[in-house]
Structure formats: structure tokens, C-alpha cells
């Protein structure tokens, strides 16, 4: 599951025929008060995705598909 998720993320964000959305994200972060709704929606979306990923990794640990020593919260965070 984790391998498929990571491979899918790489494929989705590196396609040359489809923008990855970075311009939209960056634009919402620097557009002042007018961008707050977009920024807040992006923050909520990111936090929800991280939580669902953390829960899925924990389920993998519980089911024995991922090593028990795995830090599911750390694995679900984007790189710094």
C-alpha cells in the first residue's frame, strides 16, 4: 500500500502534461487577505490528507504489513 501510494504521488506530480499546482499553492500563500480562503482550504486539505495517511499507516502496522517500530505520524508528514 505505501509503495503504491508513493509511486502514485510521484507519477501524479511529475507528469509533463499536467501542472502540479505549485503556482496555485504559492499564489494563494502570497496574495494577502484575498487568498485566505484558498490558503485555509489548502491547509485543511493537507491536514486531512496527513491524518488519513497516518491512520492508514497505523492500520498497516496493526495488520502486520508495516514494521511495528514504524513511526506512523512521522511517515505521514511531508519532507521538511
N, C-alpha and C. Protein backbone atom coordinates (compact mmCIF):
# COMPACT_ATOMS: atom_id res chain seq x y z
N UNK A 1 0.82 -1.19 0.00
CA UNK A 1 0.00 0.00 0.00
C UNK A 1 0.87 1.26 0.00
N UNK A 2 1.83 1.33 0.89
CA UNK A 2 2.67 2.52 0.98
C UNK A 2 3.44 2.72 -0.32
N UNK A 3 3.94 1.63 -0.89
CA UNK A 3 4.68 1.73 -2.15
C UNK A 3 3.79 2.25 -3.26
N UNK A 4 2.58 1.73 -3.35
CA UNK A 4 1.64 2.19 -4.38
C UNK A 4 1.30 3.66 -4.18
N UNK A 5 1.10 4.07 -2.95
CA UNK A 5 0.78 5.46 -2.66
C UNK A 5 1.93 6.38 -3.07
N UNK A 6 3.13 6.03 -2.69
CA UNK A 6 4.28 6.86 -3.03
C UNK A 6 4.53 6.89 -4.53
N UNK A 7 4.43 5.73 -5.19
CA UNK A 7 4.61 5.69 -6.64
C UNK A 7 3.54 6.53 -7.34
N UNK A 8 2.29 6.44 -6.88
CA UNK A 8 1.22 7.23 -7.46
C UNK A 8 1.45 8.72 -7.28
N UNK A 9 1.95 9.11 -6.13
CA UNK A 9 2.24 10.52 -5.88
C UNK A 9 3.33 11.02 -6.82
N UNK A 10 4.37 10.25 -6.98
CA UNK A 10 5.45 10.64 -7.89
C UNK A 10 4.92 10.76 -9.31
N UNK A 11 4.14 9.79 -9.76
CA UNK A 11 3.61 9.84 -11.12
C UNK A 11 2.67 11.03 -11.31
N UNK A 12 1.85 11.32 -10.31
CA UNK A 12 0.88 12.41 -10.43
C UNK A 12 1.54 13.78 -10.41
N UNK A 13 2.64 13.91 -9.73
CA UNK A 13 3.27 15.24 -9.58
C UNK A 13 4.42 15.49 -10.55
N UNK A 14 4.76 14.50 -11.35
CA UNK A 14 5.87 14.71 -12.27
C UNK A 14 5.47 14.57 -13.73
N UNK A 15 4.18 14.50 -14.00
CA UNK A 15 3.71 14.39 -15.39
C UNK A 15 3.97 15.70 -16.12
N UNK A 16 4.53 15.62 -17.30
CA UNK A 16 4.82 16.83 -18.07
C UNK A 16 3.56 17.42 -18.69
N UNK A 17 2.50 16.63 -18.84
CA UNK A 17 1.28 17.13 -19.47
C UNK A 17 0.27 17.69 -18.48
N UNK A 18 0.64 17.76 -17.21
CA UNK A 18 -0.31 18.20 -16.19
C UNK A 18 0.44 19.01 -15.13
N UNK A 19 0.09 20.28 -14.96
CA UNK A 19 0.77 21.08 -13.94
C UNK A 19 0.54 20.51 -12.54
N UNK A 20 1.54 20.61 -11.73
CA UNK A 20 1.46 20.03 -10.38
C UNK A 20 0.74 20.93 -9.38
N UNK A 21 0.45 22.14 -9.74
CA UNK A 21 -0.30 23.02 -8.85
C UNK A 21 0.55 23.92 -7.97
N UNK A 22 1.83 23.86 -8.08
CA UNK A 22 2.67 24.67 -7.22
C UNK A 22 2.41 26.16 -7.39
N UNK A 23 2.16 26.62 -8.60
CA UNK A 23 1.90 28.03 -8.82
C UNK A 23 0.63 28.45 -8.08
N UNK A 24 -0.40 27.62 -8.13
CA UNK A 24 -1.63 27.93 -7.42
C UNK A 24 -1.45 27.98 -5.92
N UNK A 25 -0.71 27.03 -5.41
CA UNK A 25 -0.45 27.00 -3.96
C UNK A 25 0.36 28.21 -3.55
N UNK A 26 1.43 28.47 -4.26
CA UNK A 26 2.27 29.61 -3.91
C UNK A 26 1.51 30.92 -4.04
N UNK A 27 0.68 31.02 -5.07
CA UNK A 27 -0.12 32.23 -5.26
C UNK A 27 -1.08 32.47 -4.12
N UNK A 28 -1.70 31.41 -3.63
CA UNK A 28 -2.65 31.57 -2.53
C UNK A 28 -1.95 31.97 -1.24
N UNK A 29 -0.69 31.61 -1.11
CA UNK A 29 0.05 31.93 0.11
C UNK A 29 0.53 33.38 0.15
N UNK A 30 0.68 34.01 -1.00
CA UNK A 30 1.24 35.36 -1.03
C UNK A 30 0.23 36.42 -1.47
N UNK A 31 -1.02 36.06 -1.63
CA UNK A 31 -1.98 37.02 -2.18
C UNK A 31 -2.73 37.81 -1.12
N UNK A 32 -2.26 37.82 0.10
CA UNK A 32 -2.86 38.63 1.15
C UNK A 32 -4.22 38.12 1.57
N UNK A 33 -5.05 39.04 2.05
CA UNK A 33 -6.35 38.68 2.59
C UNK A 33 -7.25 38.00 1.56
N UNK A 34 -7.13 38.38 0.30
CA UNK A 34 -7.96 37.75 -0.73
C UNK A 34 -7.65 36.27 -0.90
N UNK A 35 -6.44 35.86 -0.56
CA UNK A 35 -6.04 34.47 -0.69
C UNK A 35 -6.31 33.62 0.53
N UNK A 36 -6.80 34.24 1.62
CA UNK A 36 -7.01 33.48 2.87
C UNK A 36 -7.94 32.29 2.71
N UNK A 37 -9.08 32.42 2.01
CA UNK A 37 -9.94 31.25 1.85
C UNK A 37 -9.23 30.09 1.14
N UNK A 38 -8.47 30.41 0.10
CA UNK A 38 -7.73 29.37 -0.61
C UNK A 38 -6.65 28.77 0.28
N UNK A 39 -5.94 29.63 0.99
CA UNK A 39 -4.89 29.15 1.89
C UNK A 39 -5.47 28.24 2.97
N UNK A 40 -6.59 28.68 3.57
CA UNK A 40 -7.21 27.89 4.63
C UNK A 40 -7.71 26.55 4.10
N UNK A 41 -8.27 26.55 2.88
CA UNK A 41 -8.74 25.30 2.28
C UNK A 41 -7.56 24.36 2.02
N UNK A 42 -6.44 24.90 1.56
CA UNK A 42 -5.26 24.08 1.31
C UNK A 42 -4.70 23.51 2.61
N UNK A 43 -4.69 24.31 3.66
CA UNK A 43 -4.22 23.83 4.96
C UNK A 43 -5.12 22.72 5.47
N UNK A 44 -6.43 22.90 5.36
CA UNK A 44 -7.37 21.87 5.81
C UNK A 44 -7.20 20.59 4.99
N UNK A 45 -7.06 20.74 3.68
CA UNK A 45 -6.88 19.58 2.80
C UNK A 45 -5.60 18.83 3.15
N UNK A 46 -4.51 19.58 3.38
CA UNK A 46 -3.23 18.96 3.73
C UNK A 46 -3.33 18.23 5.06
N UNK A 47 -3.93 18.87 6.06
CA UNK A 47 -4.03 18.25 7.38
C UNK A 47 -4.91 17.01 7.35
N UNK A 48 -6.00 17.05 6.58
CA UNK A 48 -6.87 15.89 6.46
C UNK A 48 -6.14 14.74 5.77
N UNK A 49 -5.42 15.05 4.70
CA UNK A 49 -4.67 14.02 3.99
C UNK A 49 -3.61 13.40 4.89
N UNK A 50 -2.91 14.23 5.66
CA UNK A 50 -1.88 13.72 6.57
C UNK A 50 -2.48 12.80 7.62
N UNK A 51 -3.62 13.20 8.18
CA UNK A 51 -4.28 12.39 9.19
C UNK A 51 -4.74 11.05 8.61
N UNK A 52 -5.32 11.07 7.42
CA UNK A 52 -5.77 9.82 6.80
C UNK A 52 -4.60 8.92 6.46
N UNK A 53 -3.49 9.51 6.04
CA UNK A 53 -2.30 8.72 5.75
C UNK A 53 -1.72 8.12 7.03
N UNK A 54 -1.68 8.90 8.09
CA UNK A 54 -1.21 8.40 9.38
C UNK A 54 -2.08 7.24 9.85
N UNK A 55 -3.40 7.39 9.73
CA UNK A 55 -4.31 6.31 10.13
C UNK A 55 -4.09 5.05 9.30
N UNK A 56 -3.84 5.24 8.00
CA UNK A 56 -3.62 4.09 7.13
C UNK A 56 -2.32 3.39 7.48
N UNK A 57 -1.27 4.16 7.74
CA UNK A 57 -0.01 3.54 8.16
C UNK A 57 -0.19 2.80 9.48
N UNK A 58 -0.95 3.37 10.41
CA UNK A 58 -1.18 2.68 11.68
C UNK A 58 -1.93 1.37 11.46
N UNK A 59 -2.89 1.39 10.55
CA UNK A 59 -3.61 0.15 10.24
C UNK A 59 -2.65 -0.89 9.66
N UNK A 60 -1.72 -0.45 8.81
CA UNK A 60 -0.73 -1.36 8.25
C UNK A 60 0.14 -1.96 9.36
N UNK A 61 0.50 -1.15 10.35
CA UNK A 61 1.27 -1.66 11.49
C UNK A 61 0.42 -2.68 12.25
N UNK A 62 -0.83 -2.32 12.52
CA UNK A 62 -1.72 -3.22 13.28
C UNK A 62 -1.95 -4.55 12.55
N UNK A 63 -1.97 -4.51 11.22
CA UNK A 63 -2.21 -5.72 10.43
C UNK A 63 -0.92 -6.47 10.10
N UNK A 64 0.22 -5.93 10.53
CA UNK A 64 1.49 -6.60 10.31
C UNK A 64 2.11 -6.36 8.95
N UNK A 65 1.56 -5.41 8.19
CA UNK A 65 2.11 -5.11 6.87
C UNK A 65 3.25 -4.10 6.92
N UNK A 66 3.41 -3.43 8.04
CA UNK A 66 4.46 -2.44 8.24
C UNK A 66 5.10 -2.73 9.58
N UNK A 67 6.41 -2.59 9.66
CA UNK A 67 7.11 -2.91 10.89
C UNK A 67 6.49 -2.17 12.07
N UNK A 68 6.38 -2.86 13.19
CA UNK A 68 5.75 -2.29 14.37
C UNK A 68 6.50 -1.09 14.91
N UNK A 69 7.79 -0.99 14.64
CA UNK A 69 8.57 0.13 15.14
C UNK A 69 8.39 1.38 14.28
N UNK A 70 7.59 1.27 13.24
CA UNK A 70 7.38 2.41 12.35
C UNK A 70 6.68 3.55 13.08
N UNK A 71 7.17 4.75 12.89
CA UNK A 71 6.55 5.94 13.45
C UNK A 71 5.55 6.44 12.42
N UNK A 72 4.28 6.07 12.59
CA UNK A 72 3.28 6.39 11.58
C UNK A 72 3.05 7.89 11.45
N UNK A 73 3.16 8.65 12.52
CA UNK A 73 2.99 10.10 12.43
C UNK A 73 4.12 10.71 11.61
N UNK A 74 5.34 10.24 11.84
CA UNK A 74 6.49 10.77 11.11
C UNK A 74 6.41 10.39 9.64
N UNK A 75 6.00 9.17 9.34
CA UNK A 75 5.92 8.71 7.96
C UNK A 75 4.86 9.47 7.16
N UNK A 76 3.86 10.00 7.82
CA UNK A 76 2.77 10.67 7.11
C UNK A 76 3.07 12.16 6.86
N UNK A 77 4.14 12.68 7.42
CA UNK A 77 4.48 14.10 7.24
C UNK A 77 5.27 14.29 5.95
N UNK A 78 5.04 15.41 5.27
CA UNK A 78 5.85 15.69 4.08
C UNK A 78 7.28 16.01 4.51
N UNK A 79 8.23 15.84 3.59
CA UNK A 79 9.61 16.17 3.94
C UNK A 79 9.76 17.65 4.25
N UNK A 80 10.68 17.94 5.14
CA UNK A 80 10.92 19.34 5.54
C UNK A 80 11.65 20.10 4.48
